[in-house]
Amino acid sequence: HGAVLVAKNNKVLYNNQIGYADFGKKKQLDKTSAFQLASVSKQFTAAAIMLLYERNQIKLTDTINNYFPNFPYDNVTIKNLLNHTAGLPKYFWITEHKWDGDEAPTNSEMMTLLETSDVLRFFKPGQKFDYSNTGYAVLASIVEKVSGTSFSDFVQQNIFDALGMENSFVYSFKNDKIKENQLAGYRLYRGWRHLKIGGSVNDAIVGDKNIYTNSEDLYKWYQGLNNCSILSKTSLDLMYTEGKTIYGKNVPYGFGFRIDTKSNKTIYHHGKWNGFSTGLTQYPDD
């Protein structure tokens, strides 16, 4: 059950939706069905940061403490966050063990929680690559702090609306209304029965996940990004370039994209969350 779009040389070769949007009602998927992108959301967060960078509102060398003075993990730069070399602890664990609120924490509440956390970082900034959801949640918080608006509104106005992505939105659990075309995730029970997956304590936080879209909008995003409709070629090149540790070792990640240069260069990202499995892969040499 899902959706697939394949394109080459700016021509769509295959685009289809197969299976159910709602298993209980036997409602079929259609072109407007919006899927949870999970970690594929990270490239939109990276683009939002690069928009602020191009507007001279931030520097990639700025530390988190420039924007959140009480952040307990010092010397972490925006660039460290973008290419997963920050060494921050996992916010999933922190919220599950330290959060005592009635509702799932938002990004601003998570930042406050991190400020009072005694959880140690994994390593000093830049020493190594460690894929981090925390880093991208913090990046979304920086977008909110600098822009003075919600991450959802910033991405909507500057990316989705700009590229005509009409079936795309950011969703924060219980803080936002569920859209008509928004899909729920399911899990299999006893190998045959599909049960809806509810929200958790980590589902109100955005930036690392929680963007919803369909395959056609995702293709608009791919085209708009590569045509430099929203970002400059310089920014795009930065997003598509492997990061480095302070020891000069390449890391397989740019800004919001995984980079594979072993054979034919592949720029991609996968995501998995609450019953959704997503992916966007491009082959620039082909």
C-alpha atoms as a PDB file:
ATOM      1  CA  HIS A   1       0.000   0.000   0.000  1.00  0.00           C
ATOM      2  CA  GLY A   2       1.598   3.251  -1.085  1.00  0.00           C
ATOM      3  CA  ALA A   3       2.609   5.606  -3.848  1.00  0.00           C
ATOM      4  CA  VAL A   4       5.453   5.565  -6.381  1.00  0.00           C
ATOM      5  CA  LEU A   5       6.696   8.178  -8.841  1.00  0.00           C
ATOM      6  CA  VAL A   6       9.583   7.632 -11.258  1.00  0.00           C
ATOM      7  CA  ALA A   7      10.966  10.393 -13.478  1.00  0.00           C
ATOM      8  CA  LYS A   8      13.892  10.879 -15.832  1.00  0.00           C
ATOM      9  CA  ASN A   9      15.053  13.959 -17.743  1.00  0.00           C
ATOM     10  CA  ASN A  10      12.169  16.010 -16.309  1.00  0.00           C
ATOM     11  CA  LYS A  11       9.596  13.539 -17.615  1.00  0.00           C
ATOM     12  CA  VAL A  12       7.402  11.457 -15.324  1.00  0.00           C
ATOM     13  CA  LEU A  13       7.622   7.814 -16.429  1.00  0.00           C
ATOM     14  CA  TYR A  14       5.406   6.272 -13.768  1.00  0.00           C
ATOM     15  CA  ASN A  15       3.085   7.692 -11.108  1.00  0.00           C
ATOM     16  CA  ASN A  16       0.614   5.575  -9.198  1.00  0.00           C
ATOM     17  CA  GLN A  17      -1.083   4.992  -5.862  1.00  0.00           C
ATOM     18  CA  ILE A  18      -1.918   1.443  -4.848  1.00  0.00           C
ATOM     19  CA  GLY A  19      -3.905   0.143  -1.890  1.00  0.00           C
ATOM     20  CA  TYR A  20      -5.811   1.613   1.013  1.00  0.00           C
ATOM     21  CA  ALA A  21      -5.724   5.004   2.676  1.00  0.00           C
ATOM     22  CA  ASP A  22      -8.066   3.706   5.394  1.00  0.00           C
ATOM     23  CA  PHE A  23      -8.209  -0.042   6.038  1.00  0.00           C
ATOM     24  CA  GLY A  24     -11.347   0.102   8.178  1.00  0.00           C
ATOM     25  CA  LYS A  25     -13.382   2.046   5.626  1.00  0.00           C
ATOM     26  CA  LYS A  26     -11.654   0.380   2.647  1.00  0.00           C
ATOM     27  CA  LYS A  27     -10.918   3.848   1.266  1.00  0.00           C
ATOM     28  CA  GLN A  28      -8.436   3.809  -1.606  1.00  0.00           C
ATOM     29  CA  LEU A  29      -5.326   5.955  -1.812  1.00  0.00           C
ATOM     30  CA  ASP A  30      -5.489   8.757  -4.384  1.00  0.00           C
ATOM     31  CA  LYS A  31      -3.261  11.534  -5.740  1.00  0.00           C
ATOM     32  CA  THR A  32      -4.045  13.848  -2.800  1.00  0.00           C
ATOM     33  CA  SER A  33      -3.188  11.313  -0.062  1.00  0.00           C
ATOM     34  CA  ALA A  34      -0.481  12.866   2.134  1.00  0.00           C
ATOM     35  CA  PHE A  35       2.140  10.538   3.620  1.00  0.00           C
ATOM     36  CA  GLN A  36       4.317  11.129   6.682  1.00  0.00           C
ATOM     37  CA  LEU A  37       7.818  11.656   5.278  1.00  0.00           C
ATOM     38  CA  ALA A  38       9.569  10.728   8.537  1.00  0.00           C
ATOM     39  CA  SER A  39      13.297  11.517   8.127  1.00  0.00           C
ATOM     40  CA  VAL A  40      12.883  12.637   4.504  1.00  0.00           C
ATOM     41  CA  SER A  41      11.556  15.768   6.264  1.00  0.00           C
ATOM     42  CA  LYS A  42      15.136  16.690   7.188  1.00  0.00           C
ATOM     43  CA  GLN A  43      15.957  18.079   3.735  1.00  0.00           C
ATOM     44  CA  PHE A  44      13.171  20.652   4.109  1.00  0.00           C
ATOM     45  CA  THR A  45      14.599  21.686   7.481  1.00  0.00           C
ATOM     46  CA  ALA A  46      18.030  22.042   5.886  1.00  0.00           C
ATOM     47  CA  ALA A  47      16.542  24.160   3.081  1.00  0.00           C
ATOM     48  CA  ALA A  48      14.812  26.413   5.630  1.00  0.00           C
ATOM     49  CA  ILE A  49      18.165  26.951   7.343  1.00  0.00           C
ATOM     50  CA  MET A  50      19.830  27.719   3.999  1.00  0.00           C
ATOM     51  CA  LEU A  51      17.143  30.290   3.225  1.00  0.00           C
ATOM     52  CA  LEU A  52      18.014  32.092   6.466  1.00  0.00           C
ATOM     53  CA  TYR A  53      21.703  31.746   5.573  1.00  0.00           C
ATOM     54  CA  GLU A  54      21.161  33.340   2.146  1.00  0.00           C
ATOM     55  CA  ARG A  55      19.264  36.192   3.810  1.00  0.00           C
ATOM     56  CA  ASN A  56      22.280  36.804   6.083  1.00  0.00           C
ATOM     57  CA  GLN A  57      20.186  36.077   9.157  1.00  0.00           C
ATOM     58  CA  ILE A  58      22.456  33.254  10.323  1.00  0.00           C
ATOM     59  CA  LYS A  59      25.956  31.912   9.720  1.00  0.00           C
ATOM     60  CA  LEU A  60      26.743  28.223   9.402  1.00  0.00           C
ATOM     61  CA  THR A  61      29.526  28.770  11.943  1.00  0.00           C
ATOM     62  CA  ASP A  62      27.097  30.154  14.549  1.00  0.00           C
ATOM     63  CA  THR A  63      26.713  27.979  17.618  1.00  0.00           C
ATOM     64  CA  ILE A  64      23.411  26.953  19.149  1.00  0.00           C
ATOM     65  CA  ASN A  65      24.279  29.212  22.097  1.00  0.00           C
ATOM     66  CA  ASN A  66      24.022  32.218  19.765  1.00  0.00           C
ATOM     67  CA  TYR A  67      20.278  31.605  19.753  1.00  0.00           C
ATOM     68  CA  PHE A  68      19.724  29.608  22.946  1.00  0.00           C
ATOM     69  CA  PRO A  69      22.246  30.936  25.523  1.00  0.00           C
ATOM     70  CA  ASN A  70      21.363  28.289  28.110  1.00  0.00           C
ATOM     71  CA  PHE A  71      21.833  25.341  25.772  1.00  0.00           C
ATOM     72  CA  PRO A  72      24.076  22.987  27.781  1.00  0.00           C
ATOM     73  CA  TYR A  73      26.129  21.515  24.924  1.00  0.00           C
ATOM     74  CA  ASP A  74      28.550  24.242  23.885  1.00  0.00           C
ATOM     75  CA  ASN A  75      30.499  24.831  20.665  1.00  0.00           C
ATOM     76  CA  VAL A  76      27.941  23.020  18.472  1.00  0.00           C
ATOM     77  CA  THR A  77      27.625  24.899  15.175  1.00  0.00           C
ATOM     78  CA  ILE A  78      24.715  24.972  12.757  1.00  0.00           C
ATOM     79  CA  LYS A  79      26.937  23.122  10.290  1.00  0.00           C
ATOM     80  CA  ASN A  80      27.533  20.390  12.895  1.00  0.00           C
ATOM     81  CA  LEU A  81      23.771  19.993  13.193  1.00  0.00           C
ATOM     82  CA  LEU A  82      23.265  19.874   9.432  1.00  0.00           C
ATOM     83  CA  ASN A  83      25.748  17.074   8.743  1.00  0.00           C
ATOM     84  CA  HIS A  84      25.277  15.111  11.991  1.00  0.00           C
ATOM     85  CA  THR A  85      28.634  15.808  13.606  1.00  0.00           C
ATOM     86  CA  ALA A  86      27.224  17.513  16.727  1.00  0.00           C
ATOM     87  CA  GLY A  87      27.315  14.562  19.137  1.00  0.00           C
ATOM     88  CA  LEU A  88      24.061  15.551  20.868  1.00  0.00           C
ATOM     89  CA  PRO A  89      22.143  13.017  22.976  1.00  0.00           C
ATOM     90  CA  LYS A  90      18.931  11.471  21.640  1.00  0.00           C
ATOM     91  CA  TYR A  91      15.897  13.605  22.448  1.00  0.00           C
ATOM     92  CA  PHE A  92      13.644  10.549  22.060  1.00  0.00           C
ATOM     93  CA  TRP A  93      15.242   9.044  25.170  1.00  0.00           C
ATOM     94  CA  ILE A  94      15.188  12.338  27.057  1.00  0.00           C
ATOM     95  CA  THR A  95      11.490  13.006  26.441  1.00  0.00           C
ATOM     96  CA  GLU A  96      10.566   9.407  27.249  1.00  0.00           C
ATOM     97  CA  HIS A  97      12.463   9.502  30.565  1.00  0.00           C
ATOM     98  CA  LYS A  98      12.522  13.155  31.635  1.00  0.00           C
ATOM     99  CA  TRP A  99       9.327  14.774  30.312  1.00  0.00           C
ATOM    100  CA  ASP A 100       6.463  14.958  32.820  1.00  0.00           C
ATOM    101  CA  GLY A 101       3.982  17.147  30.940  1.00  0.00           C
ATOM    102  CA  ASP A 102       0.427  16.081  30.123  1.00  0.00           C
ATOM    103  CA  GLU A 103       0.889  16.537  26.380  1.00  0.00           C
ATOM    104  CA  ALA A 104       3.760  15.726  24.017  1.00  0.00           C
ATOM    105  CA  PRO A 105       6.402  18.500  24.132  1.00  0.00           C
ATOM    106  CA  THR A 106       6.781  20.997  21.302  1.00  0.00           C
ATOM    107  CA  ASN A 107      10.169  22.089  19.970  1.00  0.00           C
ATOM    108  CA  SER A 108      10.393  25.032  22.372  1.00  0.00           C
ATOM    109  CA  GLU A 109       9.496  22.773  25.302  1.00  0.00           C
ATOM    110  CA  MET A 110      12.084  20.256  24.149  1.00  0.00           C
ATOM    111  CA  MET A 111      14.748  22.974  24.056  1.00  0.00           C
ATOM    112  CA  THR A 112      13.858  23.933  27.631  1.00  0.00           C
ATOM    113  CA  LEU A 113      13.982  20.272  28.630  1.00  0.00           C
ATOM    114  CA  LEU A 114      17.442  19.906  27.062  1.00  0.00           C
ATOM    115  CA  GLU A 115      18.617  22.960  29.016  1.00  0.00           C
ATOM    116  CA  THR A 116      17.779  21.208  32.282  1.00  0.00           C
ATOM    117  CA  SER A 117      19.030  17.802  31.159  1.00  0.00           C
ATOM    118  CA  ASP A 118      22.040  16.120  32.730  1.00  0.00           C
ATOM    119  CA  VAL A 119      22.380  13.641  29.855  1.00  0.00           C
ATOM    120  CA  LEU A 120      25.904  13.659  28.473  1.00  0.00           C
ATOM    121  CA  ARG A 121      26.744  14.279  24.820  1.00  0.00           C
ATOM    122  CA  PHE A 122      28.163  11.392  22.773  1.00  0.00           C
ATOM    123  CA  PHE A 123      31.306  13.257  21.664  1.00  0.00           C
ATOM    124  CA  LYS A 124      32.691  16.730  21.183  1.00  0.00           C
ATOM    125  CA  PRO A 125      31.429  18.603  18.095  1.00  0.00           C
ATOM    126  CA  GLY A 126      33.038  17.585  14.819  1.00  0.00           C
ATOM    127  CA  GLN A 127      34.816  14.463  16.042  1.00  0.00           C
ATOM    128  CA  LYS A 128      32.665  11.948  14.158  1.00  0.00           C
ATOM    129  CA  PHE A 129      29.417  11.312  12.283  1.00  0.00           C
ATOM    130  CA  ASP A 130      26.390  10.172  14.276  1.00  0.00           C
ATOM    131  CA  TYR A 131      22.953  10.393  12.670  1.00  0.00           C
ATOM    132  CA  SER A 132      20.893  12.614  14.957  1.00  0.00           C
ATOM    133  CA  ASN A 133      17.190  13.422  15.098  1.00  0.00           C
ATOM    134  CA  THR A 134      18.002  15.831  17.927  1.00  0.00           C
ATOM    135  CA  GLY A 135      20.144  17.960  15.623  1.00  0.00           C
ATOM    136  CA  TYR A 136      17.331  18.535  13.150  1.00  0.00           C
ATOM    137  CA  ALA A 137      14.778  19.260  15.862  1.00  0.00           C
ATOM    138  CA  VAL A 138      17.202  21.905  17.158  1.00  0.00           C
ATOM    139  CA  LEU A 139      17.593  23.309  13.614  1.00  0.00           C
ATOM    140  CA  ALA A 140      13.802  23.727  13.365  1.00  0.00           C
ATOM    141  CA  SER A 141      13.908  25.540  16.711  1.00  0.00           C
ATOM    142  CA  ILE A 142      16.575  27.896  15.336  1.00  0.00           C
ATOM    143  CA  VAL A 143      14.350  28.571  12.300  1.00  0.00           C
ATOM    144  CA  GLU A 144      11.528  29.534  14.662  1.00  0.00           C
ATOM    145  CA  LYS A 145      13.767  31.723  16.831  1.00  0.00           C
ATOM    146  CA  VAL A 146      15.324  33.615  13.910  1.00  0.00           C
ATOM    147  CA  SER A 147      12.212  33.959  11.730  1.00  0.00           C
ATOM    148  CA  GLY A 148       9.839  34.822  14.572  1.00  0.00           C
ATOM    149  CA  THR A 149       7.267  32.413  13.186  1.00  0.00           C
ATOM    150  CA  SER A 150       6.466  28.737  13.576  1.00  0.00           C
ATOM    151  CA  PHE A 151       8.518  26.201  11.652  1.00  0.00           C
ATOM    152  CA  SER A 152       5.272  25.074  10.021  1.00  0.00           C
ATOM    153  CA  ASP A 153       4.409  28.560   8.747  1.00  0.00           C
ATOM    154  CA  PHE A 154       7.959  29.262   7.593  1.00  0.00           C
ATOM    155  CA  VAL A 155       8.163  26.080   5.507  1.00  0.00           C
ATOM    156  CA  GLN A 156       4.619  26.572   4.199  1.00  0.00           C
ATOM    157  CA  GLN A 157       5.233  30.115   2.996  1.00  0.00           C
ATOM    158  CA  ASN A 158       8.811  29.800   1.764  1.00  0.00           C
ATOM    159  CA  ILE A 159       8.825  26.297   0.281  1.00  0.00           C
ATOM    160  CA  PHE A 160       5.413  24.664  -0.154  1.00  0.00           C
ATOM    161  CA  ASP A 161       3.576  27.754  -1.423  1.00  0.00           C
ATOM    162  CA  ALA A 162       6.587  28.887  -3.479  1.00  0.00           C
ATOM    163  CA  LEU A 163       6.735  25.545  -5.312  1.00  0.00           C
ATOM    164  CA  GLY A 164       2.982  24.949  -5.633  1.00  0.00           C
ATOM    165  CA  MET A 165       3.062  21.965  -3.260  1.00  0.00           C
ATOM    166  CA  GLU A 166      -0.663  21.972  -2.507  1.00  0.00           C
ATOM    167  CA  ASN A 167      -0.803  18.677  -0.599  1.00  0.00           C
ATOM    168  CA  SER A 168       2.123  19.348   1.743  1.00  0.00           C
ATOM    169  CA  PHE A 169       2.184  20.530   5.360  1.00  0.00           C
ATOM    170  CA  VAL A 170       3.941  20.211   8.706  1.00  0.00           C
ATOM    171  CA  TYR A 171       1.968  18.421  11.400  1.00  0.00           C
ATOM    172  CA  SER A 172       2.579  18.583  15.158  1.00  0.00           C
ATOM    173  CA  PHE A 173       0.637  15.953  17.139  1.00  0.00           C
ATOM    174  CA  LYS A 174      -2.385  17.422  18.988  1.00  0.00           C
ATOM    175  CA  ASN A 175      -1.250  20.989  18.219  1.00  0.00           C
ATOM    176  CA  ASP A 176      -2.479  20.944  14.610  1.00  0.00           C
ATOM    177  CA  LYS A 177      -5.755  19.784  13.127  1.00  0.00           C
ATOM    178  CA  ILE A 178      -5.631  16.576  11.110  1.00  0.00           C
ATOM    179  CA  LYS A 179      -6.077  17.346   7.411  1.00  0.00           C
ATOM    180  CA  GLU A 180      -8.696  15.647   5.263  1.00  0.00           C
ATOM    181  CA  ASN A 181      -6.067  13.981   3.064  1.00  0.00           C
ATOM    182  CA  GLN A 182      -3.661  13.154   5.930  1.00  0.00           C
ATOM    183  CA  LEU A 183      -2.907   9.448   6.197  1.00  0.00           C
ATOM    184  CA  ALA A 184      -2.638   7.526   9.441  1.00  0.00           C
ATOM    185  CA  GLY A 185       0.077   4.944   9.978  1.00  0.00           C
ATOM    186  CA  TYR A 186      -0.786   1.292  10.586  1.00  0.00           C
ATOM    187  CA  ARG A 187       0.843  -1.752  12.103  1.00  0.00           C
ATOM    188  CA  LEU A 188       0.061  -5.369  11.367  1.00  0.00           C
ATOM    189  CA  TYR A 189      -1.560  -7.366  14.158  1.00  0.00           C
ATOM    190  CA  ARG A 190      -1.158 -11.144  13.987  1.00  0.00           C
ATOM    191  CA  GLY A 191       0.036 -10.827  10.422  1.00  0.00           C
ATOM    192  CA  TRP A 192      -3.239  -9.733   8.852  1.00  0.00           C
ATOM    193  CA  ARG A 193      -5.137  -7.052  10.762  1.00  0.00           C
ATOM    194  CA  HIS A 194      -4.180  -3.406  10.275  1.00  0.00           C
ATOM    195  CA  LEU A 195      -4.325  -1.309  13.448  1.00  0.00           C
ATOM    196  CA  LYS A 196      -3.878   2.474  13.459  1.00  0.00           C
ATOM    197  CA  ILE A 197      -0.819   3.785  15.271  1.00  0.00           C
ATOM    198  CA  GLY A 198      -1.513   6.603  17.738  1.00  0.00           C
ATOM    199  CA  GLY A 199       0.722   9.515  18.624  1.00  0.00           C
ATOM    200  CA  SER A 200       3.513   9.331  21.195  1.00  0.00           C
ATOM    201  CA  VAL A 201       5.443  11.710  23.446  1.00  0.00           C
ATOM    202  CA  ASN A 202       7.822  12.382  20.524  1.00  0.00           C
ATOM    203  CA  ASP A 203       5.209  13.236  17.892  1.00  0.00           C
ATOM    204  CA  ALA A 204       4.759  16.975  18.512  1.00  0.00           C
ATOM    205  CA  ILE A 205       8.374  17.782  17.689  1.00  0.00           C
ATOM    206  CA  VAL A 206       9.105  18.798  14.082  1.00  0.00           C
ATOM    207  CA  GLY A 207      12.192  19.289  11.939  1.00  0.00           C
ATOM    208  CA  ASP A 208      13.496  15.748  12.098  1.00  0.00           C
ATOM    209  CA  LYS A 209      10.142  14.377  10.872  1.00  0.00           C
ATOM    210  CA  ASN A 210       6.422  15.291  10.620  1.00  0.00           C
ATOM    211  CA  ILE A 211       6.246  16.745   7.126  1.00  0.00           C
ATOM    212  CA  TYR A 212       3.409  15.220   5.111  1.00  0.00           C
ATOM    213  CA  THR A 213       3.241  15.240   1.317  1.00  0.00           C
ATOM    214  CA  ASN A 214       2.436  13.139  -1.742  1.00  0.00           C
ATOM    215  CA  SER A 215       4.688  11.860  -4.519  1.00  0.00           C
ATOM    216  CA  GLU A 216       3.702  14.583  -7.004  1.00  0.00           C
ATOM    217  CA  ASP A 217       4.544  17.347  -4.528  1.00  0.00           C
ATOM    218  CA  LEU A 218       7.796  15.584  -3.692  1.00  0.00           C
ATOM    219  CA  TYR A 219       8.652  15.692  -7.405  1.00  0.00           C
ATOM    220  CA  LYS A 220       7.867  19.442  -7.449  1.00  0.00           C
ATOM    221  CA  TRP A 221      10.252  19.796  -4.537  1.00  0.00           C
ATOM    222  CA  TYR A 222      12.983  17.875  -6.365  1.00  0.00           C
ATOM    223  CA  GLN A 223      12.543  20.026  -9.474  1.00  0.00           C
ATOM    224  CA  GLY A 224      12.327  23.323  -7.600  1.00  0.00           C
ATOM    225  CA  LEU A 225      15.389  22.560  -5.535  1.00  0.00           C
ATOM    226  CA  ASN A 226      17.532  21.464  -8.482  1.00  0.00           C
ATOM    227  CA  ASN A 227      16.317  24.299 -10.710  1.00  0.00           C
ATOM    228  CA  CYS A 228      17.407  26.704  -7.957  1.00  0.00           C
ATOM    229  CA  SER A 229      13.892  28.120  -7.701  1.00  0.00           C
ATOM    230  CA  ILE A 230      14.167  28.638  -3.943  1.00  0.00           C
ATOM    231  CA  LEU A 231      17.897  28.379  -3.196  1.00  0.00           C
ATOM    232  CA  SER A 232      21.033  29.435  -5.033  1.00  0.00           C
ATOM    233  CA  LYS A 233      23.357  27.008  -6.799  1.00  0.00           C
ATOM    234  CA  THR A 234      25.953  27.733  -4.112  1.00  0.00           C
ATOM    235  CA  SER A 235      23.579  26.667  -1.347  1.00  0.00           C
ATOM    236  CA  LEU A 236      22.486  23.606  -3.303  1.00  0.00           C
ATOM    237  CA  ASP A 237      26.097  22.540  -3.791  1.00  0.00           C
ATOM    238  CA  LEU A 238      26.645  22.795  -0.040  1.00  0.00           C
ATOM    239  CA  MET A 239      23.596  20.614   0.597  1.00  0.00           C
ATOM    240  CA  TYR A 240      24.880  17.988  -1.841  1.00  0.00           C
ATOM    241  CA  THR A 241      28.480  17.926  -0.553  1.00  0.00           C
ATOM    242  CA  GLU A 242      29.730  15.439   2.011  1.00  0.00           C
ATOM    243  CA  GLY A 243      30.588  16.855   5.403  1.00  0.00           C
ATOM    244  CA  LYS A 244      33.922  16.418   7.171  1.00  0.00           C
ATOM    245  CA  THR A 245      35.026  15.742  10.709  1.00  0.00           C
ATOM    246  CA  ILE A 246      37.593  17.972  12.383  1.00  0.00           C
ATOM    247  CA  TYR A 247      40.107  15.269  11.452  1.00  0.00           C
ATOM    248  CA  GLY A 248      39.335  15.667   7.738  1.00  0.00           C
ATOM    249  CA  LYS A 249      37.396  12.429   7.362  1.00  0.00           C
ATOM    250  CA  ASN A 250      34.415  12.572   4.971  1.00  0.00           C
ATOM    251  CA  VAL A 251      30.973  11.799   6.368  1.00  0.00           C
ATOM    252  CA  PRO A 252      28.259  10.346   4.076  1.00  0.00           C
ATOM    253  CA  TYR A 253      25.892  13.245   4.595  1.00  0.00           C
ATOM    254  CA  GLY A 254      25.454  16.753   3.242  1.00  0.00           C
ATOM    255  CA  PHE A 255      22.749  19.092   4.531  1.00  0.00           C
ATOM    256  CA  GLY A 256      19.536  17.047   4.807  1.00  0.00           C
ATOM    257  CA  PHE A 257      20.708  14.448   2.276  1.00  0.00           C
ATOM    258  CA  ARG A 258      22.680  11.231   2.452  1.00  0.00           C
ATOM    259  CA  ILE A 259      25.447  11.138  -0.165  1.00  0.00           C
ATOM    260  CA  ASP A 260      26.752   7.907  -1.711  1.00  0.00           C
ATOM    261  CA  THR A 261      29.799   8.336  -3.953  1.00  0.00           C
ATOM    262  CA  LYS A 262      30.984   4.707  -3.988  1.00  0.00           C
ATOM    263  CA  SER A 263      29.805   3.899  -7.532  1.00  0.00           C
ATOM    264  CA  ASN A 264      27.313   6.103  -9.362  1.00  0.00           C
ATOM    265  CA  LYS A 265      26.696   9.146  -7.193  1.00  0.00           C
ATOM    266  CA  THR A 266      23.391   8.871  -5.374  1.00  0.00           C
ATOM    267  CA  ILE A 267      21.728  11.626  -3.357  1.00  0.00           C
ATOM    268  CA  TYR A 268      18.970  10.209  -1.219  1.00  0.00           C
ATOM    269  CA  HIS A 269      17.165   9.911   2.077  1.00  0.00           C
ATOM    270  CA  HIS A 270      14.940   7.289   3.649  1.00  0.00           C
ATOM    271  CA  GLY A 271      12.550   7.600   6.548  1.00  0.00           C
ATOM    272  CA  LYS A 272      10.576   5.284   8.786  1.00  0.00           C
ATOM    273  CA  TRP A 273       8.126   6.327  11.478  1.00  0.00           C
ATOM    274  CA  ASN A 274       4.775   5.198  12.881  1.00  0.00           C
ATOM    275  CA  GLY A 275       3.964   2.763  10.082  1.00  0.00           C
ATOM    276  CA  PHE A 276       5.297   4.887   7.208  1.00  0.00           C
ATOM    277  CA  SER A 277       8.315   3.994   5.084  1.00  0.00           C
ATOM    278  CA  THR A 278       9.439   6.720   2.698  1.00  0.00           C
ATOM    279  CA  GLY A 279      12.255   7.530   0.322  1.00  0.00           C
ATOM    280  CA  LEU A 280      13.495  10.057  -2.228  1.00  0.00           C
ATOM    281  CA  THR A 281      16.458   9.075  -4.406  1.00  0.00           C
ATOM    282  CA  GLN A 282      18.104  10.956  -7.249  1.00  0.00           C
ATOM    283  CA  TYR A 283      20.872   9.910  -9.626  1.00  0.00           C
ATOM    284  CA  PRO A 284      22.455  13.142 -10.878  1.00  0.00           C
ATOM    285  CA  ASP A 285      24.826  11.441 -13.348  1.00  0.00           C
ATOM    286  CA  ASP A 286      21.962   9.535 -15.007  1.00  0.00           C
END
